[in-house]
C-alpha cells in the first residue's frame, strides 16, 4: 500500500463553496476513486491550507492516476474545484497539490 499526503492553499473567500461541494461529493467521483484503488481518502482544513491523505492499494499508481485524470466526470469536478484552490509555490513541476514526504509511520 502507498500512503499519499498532499497540501494546497484555499483562499478564505472560497472556503464555504469548497466545503459545500465536499459535503456532497458526486457519487461518480467516489466510484472513480474506488475503481482506481484510492481508499481511506480524507481532506482536512487548517486555516487557508488543505491537507489530504489517501491510501493507494493497486499495483500501477501512474496508470490509476491517469485513469482518474481521463475520466470525464472527474474533469468536470476538477473544473469546479481548481479555481477555488491555490497551489503552493514550492510544489514540484506538474503537481497541483504538493505531495509531502512521509517522515514517520507506525501500524
PDB file of N, CA and C in Angstrom:
ATOM      1  N   UNK A   1       0.831  -1.178   0.000  1.00  0.00           N
ATOM      2  CA  UNK A   1       0.000   0.000   0.000  1.00  0.00           C
ATOM      3  C   UNK A   1       0.881   1.248   0.000  1.00  0.00           C
ATOM      4  N   UNK A   2       0.444   2.238  -0.754  1.00  0.00           N
ATOM      5  CA  UNK A   2       1.126   3.537  -0.811  1.00  0.00           C
ATOM      6  C   UNK A   2       0.257   4.553  -0.081  1.00  0.00           C
ATOM      7  N   UNK A   3       0.849   5.276   0.854  1.00  0.00           N
ATOM      8  CA  UNK A   3       0.161   6.351   1.551  1.00  0.00           C
ATOM      9  C   UNK A   3       0.576   7.677   0.913  1.00  0.00           C
ATOM     10  N   UNK A   4      -0.401   8.539   0.654  1.00  0.00           N
ATOM     11  CA  UNK A   4      -0.127   9.813  -0.010  1.00  0.00           C
ATOM     12  C   UNK A   4      -0.712  10.946   0.819  1.00  0.00           C
ATOM     13  N   UNK A   5       0.122  11.942   1.128  1.00  0.00           N
ATOM     14  CA  UNK A   5      -0.312  13.158   1.815  1.00  0.00           C
ATOM     15  C   UNK A   5       0.020  14.344   0.915  1.00  0.00           C
ATOM     16  N   UNK A   6      -0.901  15.282   0.827  1.00  0.00           N
ATOM     17  CA  UNK A   6      -0.719  16.434  -0.049  1.00  0.00           C
ATOM     18  C   UNK A   6      -1.296  17.680   0.609  1.00  0.00           C
ATOM     19  N   UNK A   7      -0.821  18.846   0.179  1.00  0.00           N
ATOM     20  CA  UNK A   7      -1.355  20.122   0.656  1.00  0.00           C
ATOM     21  C   UNK A   7      -1.582  21.074  -0.509  1.00  0.00           C
ATOM     22  N   UNK A   8      -2.518  21.991  -0.295  1.00  0.00           N
ATOM     23  CA  UNK A   8      -2.801  23.054  -1.263  1.00  0.00           C
ATOM     24  C   UNK A   8      -3.454  24.202  -0.512  1.00  0.00           C
ATOM     25  N   UNK A   9      -3.344  25.385  -1.040  1.00  0.00           N
ATOM     26  CA  UNK A   9      -3.970  26.534  -0.416  1.00  0.00           C
ATOM     27  C   UNK A   9      -5.458  26.618  -0.729  1.00  0.00           C
ATOM     28  N   UNK A  10      -6.200  27.250   0.172  1.00  0.00           N
ATOM     29  CA  UNK A  10      -7.619  27.512  -0.015  1.00  0.00           C
ATOM     30  C   UNK A  10      -7.883  28.942   0.446  1.00  0.00           C
ATOM     31  N   UNK A  11      -7.996  29.876  -0.497  1.00  0.00           N
ATOM     32  CA  UNK A  11      -8.253  31.260  -0.099  1.00  0.00           C
ATOM     33  C   UNK A  11      -9.536  31.361   0.729  1.00  0.00           C
ATOM     34  N   UNK A  12      -9.531  32.215   1.755  1.00  0.00           N
ATOM     35  CA  UNK A  12     -10.680  32.314   2.667  1.00  0.00           C
ATOM     36  C   UNK A  12     -12.003  32.580   1.941  1.00  0.00           C
ATOM     37  N   UNK A  13     -11.955  33.344   0.869  1.00  0.00           N
ATOM     38  CA  UNK A  13     -13.190  33.679   0.159  1.00  0.00           C
ATOM     39  C   UNK A  13     -13.793  32.468  -0.574  1.00  0.00           C
ATOM     40  N   UNK A  14     -13.022  31.377  -0.705  1.00  0.00           N
ATOM     41  CA  UNK A  14     -13.504  30.170  -1.388  1.00  0.00           C
ATOM     42  C   UNK A  14     -13.877  29.053  -0.417  1.00  0.00           C
ATOM     43  N   UNK A  15     -13.643  29.261   0.862  1.00  0.00           N
ATOM     44  CA  UNK A  15     -13.813  28.209   1.860  1.00  0.00           C
ATOM     45  C   UNK A  15     -15.226  27.625   1.872  1.00  0.00           C
ATOM     46  N   UNK A  16     -16.238  28.475   1.970  1.00  0.00           N
ATOM     47  CA  UNK A  16     -17.605  27.969   2.085  1.00  0.00           C
ATOM     48  C   UNK A  16     -18.014  27.163   0.855  1.00  0.00           C
ATOM     49  N   UNK A  17     -17.712  27.680  -0.315  1.00  0.00           N
ATOM     50  CA  UNK A  17     -18.074  26.961  -1.540  1.00  0.00           C
ATOM     51  C   UNK A  17     -17.355  25.619  -1.630  1.00  0.00           C
ATOM     52  N   UNK A  18     -16.069  25.594  -1.322  1.00  0.00           N
ATOM     53  CA  UNK A  18     -15.298  24.350  -1.361  1.00  0.00           C
ATOM     54  C   UNK A  18     -15.876  23.323  -0.382  1.00  0.00           C
ATOM     55  N   UNK A  19     -16.175  23.765   0.808  1.00  0.00           N
ATOM     56  CA  UNK A  19     -16.709  22.845   1.815  1.00  0.00           C
ATOM     57  C   UNK A  19     -18.119  22.377   1.462  1.00  0.00           C
ATOM     58  N   UNK A  20     -18.929  23.218   0.807  1.00  0.00           N
ATOM     59  CA  UNK A  20     -20.251  22.783   0.345  1.00  0.00           C
ATOM     60  C   UNK A  20     -20.122  21.657  -0.675  1.00  0.00           C
ATOM     61  N   UNK A  21     -19.219  21.833  -1.637  1.00  0.00           N
ATOM     62  CA  UNK A  21     -19.001  20.768  -2.636  1.00  0.00           C
ATOM     63  C   UNK A  21     -18.594  19.464  -1.959  1.00  0.00           C
ATOM     64  N   UNK A  22     -17.699  19.552  -1.003  1.00  0.00           N
ATOM     65  CA  UNK A  22     -17.161  18.342  -0.389  1.00  0.00           C
ATOM     66  C   UNK A  22     -18.092  17.726   0.661  1.00  0.00           C
ATOM     67  N   UNK A  23     -19.121  18.436   1.031  1.00  0.00           N
ATOM     68  CA  UNK A  23     -20.145  17.848   1.894  1.00  0.00           C
ATOM     69  C   UNK A  23     -21.061  16.920   1.102  1.00  0.00           C
ATOM     70  N   UNK A  24     -20.990  17.017  -0.230  1.00  0.00           N
ATOM     71  CA  UNK A  24     -21.842  16.195  -1.101  1.00  0.00           C
ATOM     72  C   UNK A  24     -21.079  15.853  -2.380  1.00  0.00           C
ATOM     73  N   UNK A  25     -19.963  15.162  -2.231  1.00  0.00           N
ATOM     74  CA  UNK A  25     -19.153  14.774  -3.401  1.00  0.00           C
ATOM     75  C   UNK A  25     -20.006  13.896  -4.312  1.00  0.00           C
ATOM     76  N   UNK A  26     -19.896  14.132  -5.609  1.00  0.00           N
ATOM     77  CA  UNK A  26     -20.682  13.374  -6.578  1.00  0.00           C
ATOM     78  C   UNK A  26     -20.359  11.888  -6.473  1.00  0.00           C
ATOM     79  N   UNK A  27     -21.355  11.035  -6.494  1.00  0.00           N
ATOM     80  CA  UNK A  27     -21.121   9.588  -6.417  1.00  0.00           C
ATOM     81  C   UNK A  27     -20.193   9.074  -7.524  1.00  0.00           C
ATOM     82  N   UNK A  28     -20.255   9.678  -8.706  1.00  0.00           N
ATOM     83  CA  UNK A  28     -19.377   9.228  -9.802  1.00  0.00           C
ATOM     84  C   UNK A  28     -17.906   9.476  -9.487  1.00  0.00           C
ATOM     85  N   UNK A  29     -17.630  10.516  -8.730  1.00  0.00           N
ATOM     86  CA  UNK A  29     -16.245  10.812  -8.336  1.00  0.00           C
ATOM     87  C   UNK A  29     -15.768   9.755  -7.342  1.00  0.00           C
ATOM     88  N   UNK A  30     -16.613   9.440  -6.387  1.00  0.00           N
ATOM     89  CA  UNK A  30     -16.258   8.418  -5.392  1.00  0.00           C
ATOM     90  C   UNK A  30     -16.084   7.052  -6.051  1.00  0.00           C
ATOM     91  N   UNK A  31     -16.925   6.735  -7.022  1.00  0.00           N
ATOM     92  CA  UNK A  31     -16.804   5.459  -7.741  1.00  0.00           C
ATOM     93  C   UNK A  31     -15.491   5.391  -8.523  1.00  0.00           C
ATOM     94  N   UNK A  32     -15.103   6.497  -9.167  1.00  0.00           N
ATOM     95  CA  UNK A  32     -13.848   6.524  -9.938  1.00  0.00           C
ATOM     96  C   UNK A  32     -12.654   6.348  -9.015  1.00  0.00           C
ATOM     97  N   UNK A  33     -12.679   6.997  -7.867  1.00  0.00           N
ATOM     98  CA  UNK A  33     -11.575   6.833  -6.913  1.00  0.00           C
ATOM     99  C   UNK A  33     -11.452   5.372  -6.486  1.00  0.00           C
ATOM    100  N   UNK A  34     -12.557   4.752  -6.130  1.00  0.00           N
ATOM    101  CA  UNK A  34     -12.534   3.350  -5.705  1.00  0.00           C
ATOM    102  C   UNK A  34     -12.050   2.449  -6.839  1.00  0.00           C
ATOM    103  N   UNK A  35     -12.501   2.709  -8.061  1.00  0.00           N
ATOM    104  CA  UNK A  35     -12.080   1.903  -9.211  1.00  0.00           C
ATOM    105  C   UNK A  35     -10.586   2.039  -9.486  1.00  0.00           C
ATOM    106  N   UNK A  36     -10.019   3.177  -9.054  1.00  0.00           N
ATOM    107  CA  UNK A  36      -8.585   3.425  -9.236  1.00  0.00           C
ATOM    108  C   UNK A  36      -7.795   3.129  -7.969  1.00  0.00           C
ATOM    109  N   UNK A  37      -8.378   2.333  -7.091  1.00  0.00           N
ATOM    110  CA  UNK A  37      -7.673   1.822  -5.905  1.00  0.00           C
ATOM    111  C   UNK A  37      -7.295   2.886  -4.882  1.00  0.00           C
ATOM    112  N   UNK A  38      -8.096   3.958  -4.810  1.00  0.00           N
ATOM    113  CA  UNK A  38      -7.892   5.014  -3.821  1.00  0.00           C
ATOM    114  C   UNK A  38      -8.880   4.768  -2.682  1.00  0.00           C
ATOM    115  N   UNK A  39      -8.371   4.639  -1.467  1.00  0.00           N
ATOM    116  CA  UNK A  39      -9.199   4.335  -0.305  1.00  0.00           C
ATOM    117  C   UNK A  39      -8.779   5.208   0.875  1.00  0.00           C
ATOM    118  N   UNK A  40      -9.644   5.248   1.879  1.00  0.00           N
ATOM    119  CA  UNK A  40      -9.344   5.976   3.115  1.00  0.00           C
ATOM    120  C   UNK A  40      -8.906   7.412   2.810  1.00  0.00           C
ATOM    121  N   UNK A  41      -9.679   8.085   1.940  1.00  0.00           N
ATOM    122  CA  UNK A  41      -9.352   9.431   1.473  1.00  0.00           C
ATOM    123  C   UNK A  41      -9.998  10.457   2.407  1.00  0.00           C
ATOM    124  N   UNK A  42      -9.195  11.374   2.909  1.00  0.00           N
ATOM    125  CA  UNK A  42      -9.679  12.450   3.773  1.00  0.00           C
ATOM    126  C   UNK A  42      -9.055  13.764   3.330  1.00  0.00           C
ATOM    127  N   UNK A  43      -9.804  14.842   3.522  1.00  0.00           N
ATOM    128  CA  UNK A  43      -9.275  16.195   3.338  1.00  0.00           C
ATOM    129  C   UNK A  43      -9.584  16.960   4.615  1.00  0.00           C
ATOM    130  N   UNK A  44      -8.564  17.618   5.156  1.00  0.00           N
ATOM    131  CA  UNK A  44      -8.690  18.433   6.360  1.00  0.00           C
ATOM    132  C   UNK A  44      -8.345  19.874   5.989  1.00  0.00           C
ATOM    133  N   UNK A  45      -8.854  20.816   6.761  1.00  0.00           N
ATOM    134  CA  UNK A  45      -8.503  22.224   6.555  1.00  0.00           C
ATOM    135  C   UNK A  45      -7.914  22.793   7.830  1.00  0.00           C
ATOM    136  N   UNK A  46      -6.811  23.498   7.670  1.00  0.00           N
ATOM    137  CA  UNK A  46      -6.192  24.261   8.760  1.00  0.00           C
ATOM    138  C   UNK A  46      -6.012  25.680   8.234  1.00  0.00           C
ATOM    139  N   UNK A  47      -6.865  26.589   8.676  1.00  0.00           N
ATOM    140  CA  UNK A  47      -6.794  27.957   8.167  1.00  0.00           C
ATOM    141  C   UNK A  47      -6.991  27.959   6.667  1.00  0.00           C
ATOM    142  N   UNK A  48      -5.998  28.465   5.955  1.00  0.00           N
ATOM    143  CA  UNK A  48      -6.068  28.569   4.499  1.00  0.00           C
ATOM    144  C   UNK A  48      -5.329  27.432   3.803  1.00  0.00           C
ATOM    145  N   UNK A  49      -5.116  26.334   4.498  1.00  0.00           N
ATOM    146  CA  UNK A  49      -4.387  25.207   3.941  1.00  0.00           C
ATOM    147  C   UNK A  49      -5.247  23.949   4.012  1.00  0.00           C
ATOM    148  N   UNK A  50      -5.327  23.232   2.888  1.00  0.00           N
ATOM    149  CA  UNK A  50      -5.989  21.932   2.853  1.00  0.00           C
ATOM    150  C   UNK A  50      -4.925  20.850   2.913  1.00  0.00           C
ATOM    151  N   UNK A  51      -5.203  19.813   3.668  1.00  0.00           N
ATOM    152  CA  UNK A  51      -4.322  18.653   3.785  1.00  0.00           C
ATOM    153  C   UNK A  51      -5.137  17.434   3.374  1.00  0.00           C
ATOM    154  N   UNK A  52      -4.627  16.652   2.433  1.00  0.00           N
ATOM    155  CA  UNK A  52      -5.333  15.428   2.042  1.00  0.00           C
ATOM    156  C   UNK A  52      -4.459  14.220   2.323  1.00  0.00           C
ATOM    157  N   UNK A  53      -5.144  13.116   2.584  1.00  0.00           N
ATOM    158  CA  UNK A  53      -4.464  11.842   2.826  1.00  0.00           C
ATOM    159  C   UNK A  53      -5.306  10.758   2.177  1.00  0.00           C
ATOM    160  N   UNK A  54      -4.629   9.842   1.456  1.00  0.00           N
ATOM    161  CA  UNK A  54      -5.323   8.661   0.951  1.00  0.00           C
ATOM    162  C   UNK A  54      -4.357   7.498   0.866  1.00  0.00           C
ATOM    163  N   UNK A  55      -4.935   6.334   0.741  1.00  0.00           N
ATOM    164  CA  UNK A  55      -4.156   5.106   0.603  1.00  0.00           C
ATOM    165  C   UNK A  55      -4.425   4.508  -0.768  1.00  0.00           C
ATOM    166  N   UNK A  56      -3.362   4.129  -1.438  1.00  0.00           N
ATOM    167  CA  UNK A  56      -3.438   3.513  -2.754  1.00  0.00           C
ATOM    168  C   UNK A  56      -3.122   2.028  -2.602  1.00  0.00           C
ATOM    169  N   UNK A  57      -4.052   1.178  -3.052  1.00  0.00           N
ATOM    170  CA  UNK A  57      -3.892  -0.261  -2.854  1.00  0.00           C
ATOM    171  C   UNK A  57      -3.687  -1.034  -4.155  1.00  0.00           C
ATOM    172  N   UNK A  58      -3.515  -0.332  -5.258  1.00  0.00           N
ATOM    173  CA  UNK A  58      -3.302  -1.007  -6.542  1.00  0.00           C
ATOM    174  C   UNK A  58      -1.846  -1.337  -6.772  1.00  0.00           C
ATOM    175  N   UNK A  59      -1.542  -1.738  -8.015  1.00  0.00           N
ATOM    176  CA  UNK A  59      -0.160  -2.090  -8.351  1.00  0.00           C
ATOM    177  C   UNK A  59       0.415  -1.250  -9.495  1.00  0.00           C
ATOM    178  N   UNK A  60      -0.330  -0.244  -9.974  1.00  0.00           N
ATOM    179  CA  UNK A  60       0.173   0.655 -11.015  1.00  0.00           C
ATOM    180  C   UNK A  60      -0.387   2.058 -10.750  1.00  0.00           C
ATOM    181  N   UNK A  61       0.259   2.752  -9.839  1.00  0.00           N
ATOM    182  CA  UNK A  61      -0.195   4.062  -9.389  1.00  0.00           C
ATOM    183  C   UNK A  61      -0.337   5.047 -10.552  1.00  0.00           C
ATOM    184  N   UNK A  62       0.647   5.100 -11.428  1.00  0.00           N
ATOM    185  CA  UNK A  62       0.608   6.049 -12.537  1.00  0.00           C
ATOM    186  C   UNK A  62      -0.572   5.771 -13.464  1.00  0.00           C
ATOM    187  N   UNK A  63      -0.825   4.499 -13.768  1.00  0.00           N
ATOM    188  CA  UNK A  63      -1.950   4.148 -14.642  1.00  0.00           C
ATOM    189  C   UNK A  63      -3.281   4.481 -13.972  1.00  0.00           C
ATOM    190  N   UNK A  64      -3.393   4.211 -12.691  1.00  0.00           N
ATOM    191  CA  UNK A  64      -4.636   4.527 -11.993  1.00  0.00           C
ATOM    192  C   UNK A  64      -4.841   6.037 -11.895  1.00  0.00           C
ATOM    193  N   UNK A  65      -3.787   6.789 -11.667  1.00  0.00           N
ATOM    194  CA  UNK A  65      -3.909   8.245 -11.650  1.00  0.00           C
ATOM    195  C   UNK A  65      -4.301   8.773 -13.029  1.00  0.00           C
ATOM    196  N   UNK A  66      -3.750   8.178 -14.090  1.00  0.00           N
ATOM    197  CA  UNK A  66      -4.106   8.580 -15.455  1.00  0.00           C
ATOM    198  C   UNK A  66      -5.574   8.279 -15.746  1.00  0.00           C
ATOM    199  N   UNK A  67      -6.081   7.160 -15.241  1.00  0.00           N
ATOM    200  CA  UNK A  67      -7.495   6.825 -15.431  1.00  0.00           C
ATOM    201  C   UNK A  67      -8.392   7.843 -14.738  1.00  0.00           C
ATOM    202  N   UNK A  68      -7.997   8.277 -13.561  1.00  0.00           N
ATOM    203  CA  UNK A  68      -8.762   9.314 -12.862  1.00  0.00           C
ATOM    204  C   UNK A  68      -8.754  10.601 -13.695  1.00  0.00           C
ATOM    205  N   UNK A  69      -7.579  11.019 -14.152  1.00  0.00           N
ATOM    206  CA  UNK A  69      -7.439  12.266 -14.903  1.00  0.00           C
ATOM    207  C   UNK A  69      -8.176  12.232 -16.237  1.00  0.00           C
ATOM    208  N   UNK A  70      -8.351  11.052 -16.824  1.00  0.00           N
ATOM    209  CA  UNK A  70      -9.023  10.921 -18.118  1.00  0.00           C
ATOM    210  C   UNK A  70     -10.546  10.833 -17.989  1.00  0.00           C
ATOM    211  N   UNK A  71     -11.032  10.615 -16.792  1.00  0.00           N
ATOM    212  CA  UNK A  71     -12.464  10.432 -16.563  1.00  0.00           C
ATOM    213  C   UNK A  71     -13.227  11.737 -16.793  1.00  0.00           C
ATOM    214  N   UNK A  72     -14.259  11.743 -17.662  1.00  0.00           N
ATOM    215  CA  UNK A  72     -14.992  12.985 -17.944  1.00  0.00           C
ATOM    216  C   UNK A  72     -15.646  13.623 -16.716  1.00  0.00           C
ATOM    217  N   UNK A  73     -16.210  12.815 -15.815  1.00  0.00           N
ATOM    218  CA  UNK A  73     -16.830  13.378 -14.611  1.00  0.00           C
ATOM    219  C   UNK A  73     -15.785  13.992 -13.693  1.00  0.00           C
ATOM    220  N   UNK A  74     -14.623  13.355 -13.588  1.00  0.00           N
ATOM    221  CA  UNK A  74     -13.541  13.922 -12.781  1.00  0.00           C
ATOM    222  C   UNK A  74     -13.082  15.241 -13.375  1.00  0.00           C
ATOM    223  N   UNK A  75     -12.989  15.297 -14.694  1.00  0.00           N
ATOM    224  CA  UNK A  75     -12.606  16.564 -15.334  1.00  0.00           C
ATOM    225  C   UNK A  75     -13.610  17.660 -15.007  1.00  0.00           C
ATOM    226  N   UNK A  76     -14.896  17.353 -15.011  1.00  0.00           N
ATOM    227  CA  UNK A  76     -15.928  18.346 -14.655  1.00  0.00           C
ATOM    228  C   UNK A  76     -15.772  18.776 -13.197  1.00  0.00           C
ATOM    229  N   UNK A  77     -15.525  17.795 -12.299  1.00  0.00           N
ATOM    230  CA  UNK A  77     -15.328  18.094 -10.873  1.00  0.00           C
ATOM    231  C   UNK A  77     -14.117  19.002 -10.686  1.00  0.00           C
ATOM    232  N   UNK A  78     -13.000  18.631 -11.319  1.00  0.00           N
ATOM    233  CA  UNK A  78     -11.790  19.445 -11.189  1.00  0.00           C
ATOM    234  C   UNK A  78     -11.987  20.854 -11.727  1.00  0.00           C
ATOM    235  N   UNK A  79     -12.766  21.000 -12.801  1.00  0.00           N
ATOM    236  CA  UNK A  79     -13.013  22.333 -13.367  1.00  0.00           C
ATOM    237  C   UNK A  79     -13.730  23.231 -12.362  1.00  0.00           C
ATOM    238  N   UNK A  80     -14.513  22.631 -11.475  1.00  0.00           N
ATOM    239  CA  UNK A  80     -15.183  23.398 -10.426  1.00  0.00           C
ATOM    240  C   UNK A  80     -14.276  23.641  -9.220  1.00  0.00           C
ATOM    241  N   UNK A  81     -13.413  22.678  -8.901  1.00  0.00           N
ATOM    242  CA  UNK A  81     -12.591  22.758  -7.696  1.00  0.00           C
ATOM    243  C   UNK A  81     -11.324  23.589  -7.885  1.00  0.00           C
ATOM    244  N   UNK A  82     -10.672  23.452  -9.019  1.00  0.00           N
ATOM    245  CA  UNK A  82      -9.368  24.102  -9.207  1.00  0.00           C
ATOM    246  C   UNK A  82      -9.414  25.619  -9.057  1.00  0.00           C
ATOM    247  N   UNK A  83     -10.450  26.319  -9.555  1.00  0.00           N
ATOM    248  CA  UNK A  83     -10.470  27.776  -9.339  1.00  0.00           C
ATOM    249  C   UNK A  83     -10.591  28.176  -7.871  1.00  0.00           C
ATOM    250  N   UNK A  84     -11.042  27.265  -7.037  1.00  0.00           N
ATOM    251  CA  UNK A  84     -11.193  27.557  -5.614  1.00  0.00           C
ATOM    252  C   UNK A  84      -9.888  27.377  -4.849  1.00  0.00           C
ATOM    253  N   UNK A  85      -8.970  26.612  -5.412  1.00  0.00           N
ATOM    254  CA  UNK A  85      -7.724  26.248  -4.735  1.00  0.00           C
ATOM    255  C   UNK A  85      -6.585  27.188  -5.136  1.00  0.00           C
ATOM    256  N   UNK A  86      -5.541  27.190  -4.336  1.00  0.00           N
ATOM    257  CA  UNK A  86      -4.345  27.992  -4.624  1.00  0.00           C
ATOM    258  C   UNK A  86      -3.117  27.105  -4.427  1.00  0.00           C
ATOM    259  N   UNK A  87      -2.557  26.574  -5.520  1.00  0.00           N
ATOM    260  CA  UNK A  87      -1.378  25.707  -5.388  1.00  0.00           C
ATOM    261  C   UNK A  87      -0.222  26.435  -4.699  1.00  0.00           C
ATOM    262  N   UNK A  88       0.573  25.680  -3.970  1.00  0.00           N
ATOM    263  CA  UNK A  88       1.713  26.257  -3.261  1.00  0.00           C
ATOM    264  C   UNK A  88       2.858  26.515  -4.238  1.00  0.00           C
ATOM    265  N   UNK A  89       3.589  27.580  -3.998  1.00  0.00           N
ATOM    266  CA  UNK A  89       4.683  27.968  -4.893  1.00  0.00           C
ATOM    267  C   UNK A  89       5.799  26.929  -4.959  1.00  0.00           C
ATOM    268  N   UNK A  90       6.004  26.172  -3.880  1.00  0.00           N
ATOM    269  CA  UNK A  90       7.125  25.233  -3.854  1.00  0.00           C
ATOM    270  C   UNK A  90       6.739  23.802  -4.262  1.00  0.00           C
ATOM    271  N   UNK A  91       5.613  23.636  -4.925  1.00  0.00           N
ATOM    272  CA  UNK A  91       5.227  22.301  -5.395  1.00  0.00           C
ATOM    273  C   UNK A  91       6.136  21.884  -6.546  1.00  0.00           C
ATOM    274  N   UNK A  92       6.230  20.593  -6.761  1.00  0.00           N
ATOM    275  CA  UNK A  92       7.059  20.077  -7.854  1.00  0.00           C
ATOM    276  C   UNK A  92       6.403  20.394  -9.197  1.00  0.00           C
ATOM    277  N   UNK A  93       7.221  20.459 -10.218  1.00  0.00           N
ATOM    278  CA  UNK A  93       6.699  20.693 -11.564  1.00  0.00           C
ATOM    279  C   UNK A  93       5.676  19.618 -11.912  1.00  0.00           C
ATOM    280  N   UNK A  94       4.539  20.050 -12.430  1.00  0.00           N
ATOM    281  CA  UNK A  94       3.491  19.116 -12.803  1.00  0.00           C
ATOM    282  C   UNK A  94       2.506  18.795 -11.691  1.00  0.00           C
ATOM    283  N   UNK A  95       2.803  19.205 -10.459  1.00  0.00           N
ATOM    284  CA  UNK A  95       1.883  18.950  -9.348  1.00  0.00           C
ATOM    285  C   UNK A  95       0.859  20.071  -9.249  1.00  0.00           C
ATOM    286  N   UNK A  96      -0.351  19.733  -8.852  1.00  0.00           N
ATOM    287  CA  UNK A  96      -1.345  20.731  -8.460  1.00  0.00           C
ATOM    288  C   UNK A  96      -1.344  20.800  -6.936  1.00  0.00           C
ATOM    289  N   UNK A  97      -1.648  19.668  -6.288  1.00  0.00           N
ATOM    290  CA  UNK A  97      -1.473  19.533  -4.843  1.00  0.00           C
ATOM    291  C   UNK A  97      -0.011  19.157  -4.602  1.00  0.00           C
ATOM    292  N   UNK A  98       0.632  19.773  -3.649  1.00  0.00           N
ATOM    293  CA  UNK A  98       2.019  19.449  -3.311  1.00  0.00           C
ATOM    294  C   UNK A  98       2.052  18.150  -2.508  1.00  0.00           C
ATOM    295  N   UNK A  99       2.758  17.149  -3.029  1.00  0.00           N
ATOM    296  CA  UNK A  99       2.883  15.890  -2.301  1.00  0.00           C
ATOM    297  C   UNK A  99       3.940  16.029  -1.208  1.00  0.00           C
ATOM    298  N   UNK A 100       3.640  15.486  -0.038  1.00  0.00           N
ATOM    299  CA  UNK A 100       4.523  15.588   1.120  1.00  0.00           C
ATOM    300  C   UNK A 100       5.283  14.274   1.343  1.00  0.00           C
ATOM    301  N   UNK A 101       6.528  14.365   1.752  1.00  0.00           N
ATOM    302  CA  UNK A 101       7.265  13.141   2.067  1.00  0.00           C
ATOM    303  C   UNK A 101       6.795  12.576   3.404  1.00  0.00           C
ATOM    304  N   UNK A 102       6.743  11.272   3.473  1.00  0.00           N
ATOM    305  CA  UNK A 102       6.406  10.630   4.752  1.00  0.00           C
ATOM    306  C   UNK A 102       7.646  10.627   5.644  1.00  0.00           C
ATOM    307  N   UNK A 103       7.492  11.112   6.854  1.00  0.00           N
ATOM    308  CA  UNK A 103       8.597  11.187   7.802  1.00  0.00           C
ATOM    309  C   UNK A 103       8.534  10.067   8.831  1.00  0.00           C
ATOM    310  N   UNK A 104       7.305   9.667   9.156  1.00  0.00           N
ATOM    311  CA  UNK A 104       7.146   8.635  10.177  1.00  0.00           C
ATOM    312  C   UNK A 104       5.822   7.917   9.956  1.00  0.00           C
ATOM    313  N   UNK A 105       5.813   6.610  10.230  1.00  0.00           N
ATOM    314  CA  UNK A 105       4.588   5.803  10.188  1.00  0.00           C
ATOM    315  C   UNK A 105       4.748   4.617  11.112  1.00  0.00           C
ATOM    316  N   UNK A 106       3.652   4.270  11.791  1.00  0.00           N
ATOM    317  CA  UNK A 106       3.624   3.037  12.582  1.00  0.00           C
ATOM    318  C   UNK A 106       2.223   2.457  12.459  1.00  0.00           C
ATOM    319  N   UNK A 107       2.139   1.161  12.337  1.00  0.00           N
ATOM    320  CA  UNK A 107       0.835   0.472  12.324  1.00  0.00           C
ATOM    321  C   UNK A 107       0.521   0.000  13.726  1.00  0.00           C
TER     322      UNK A 107
END
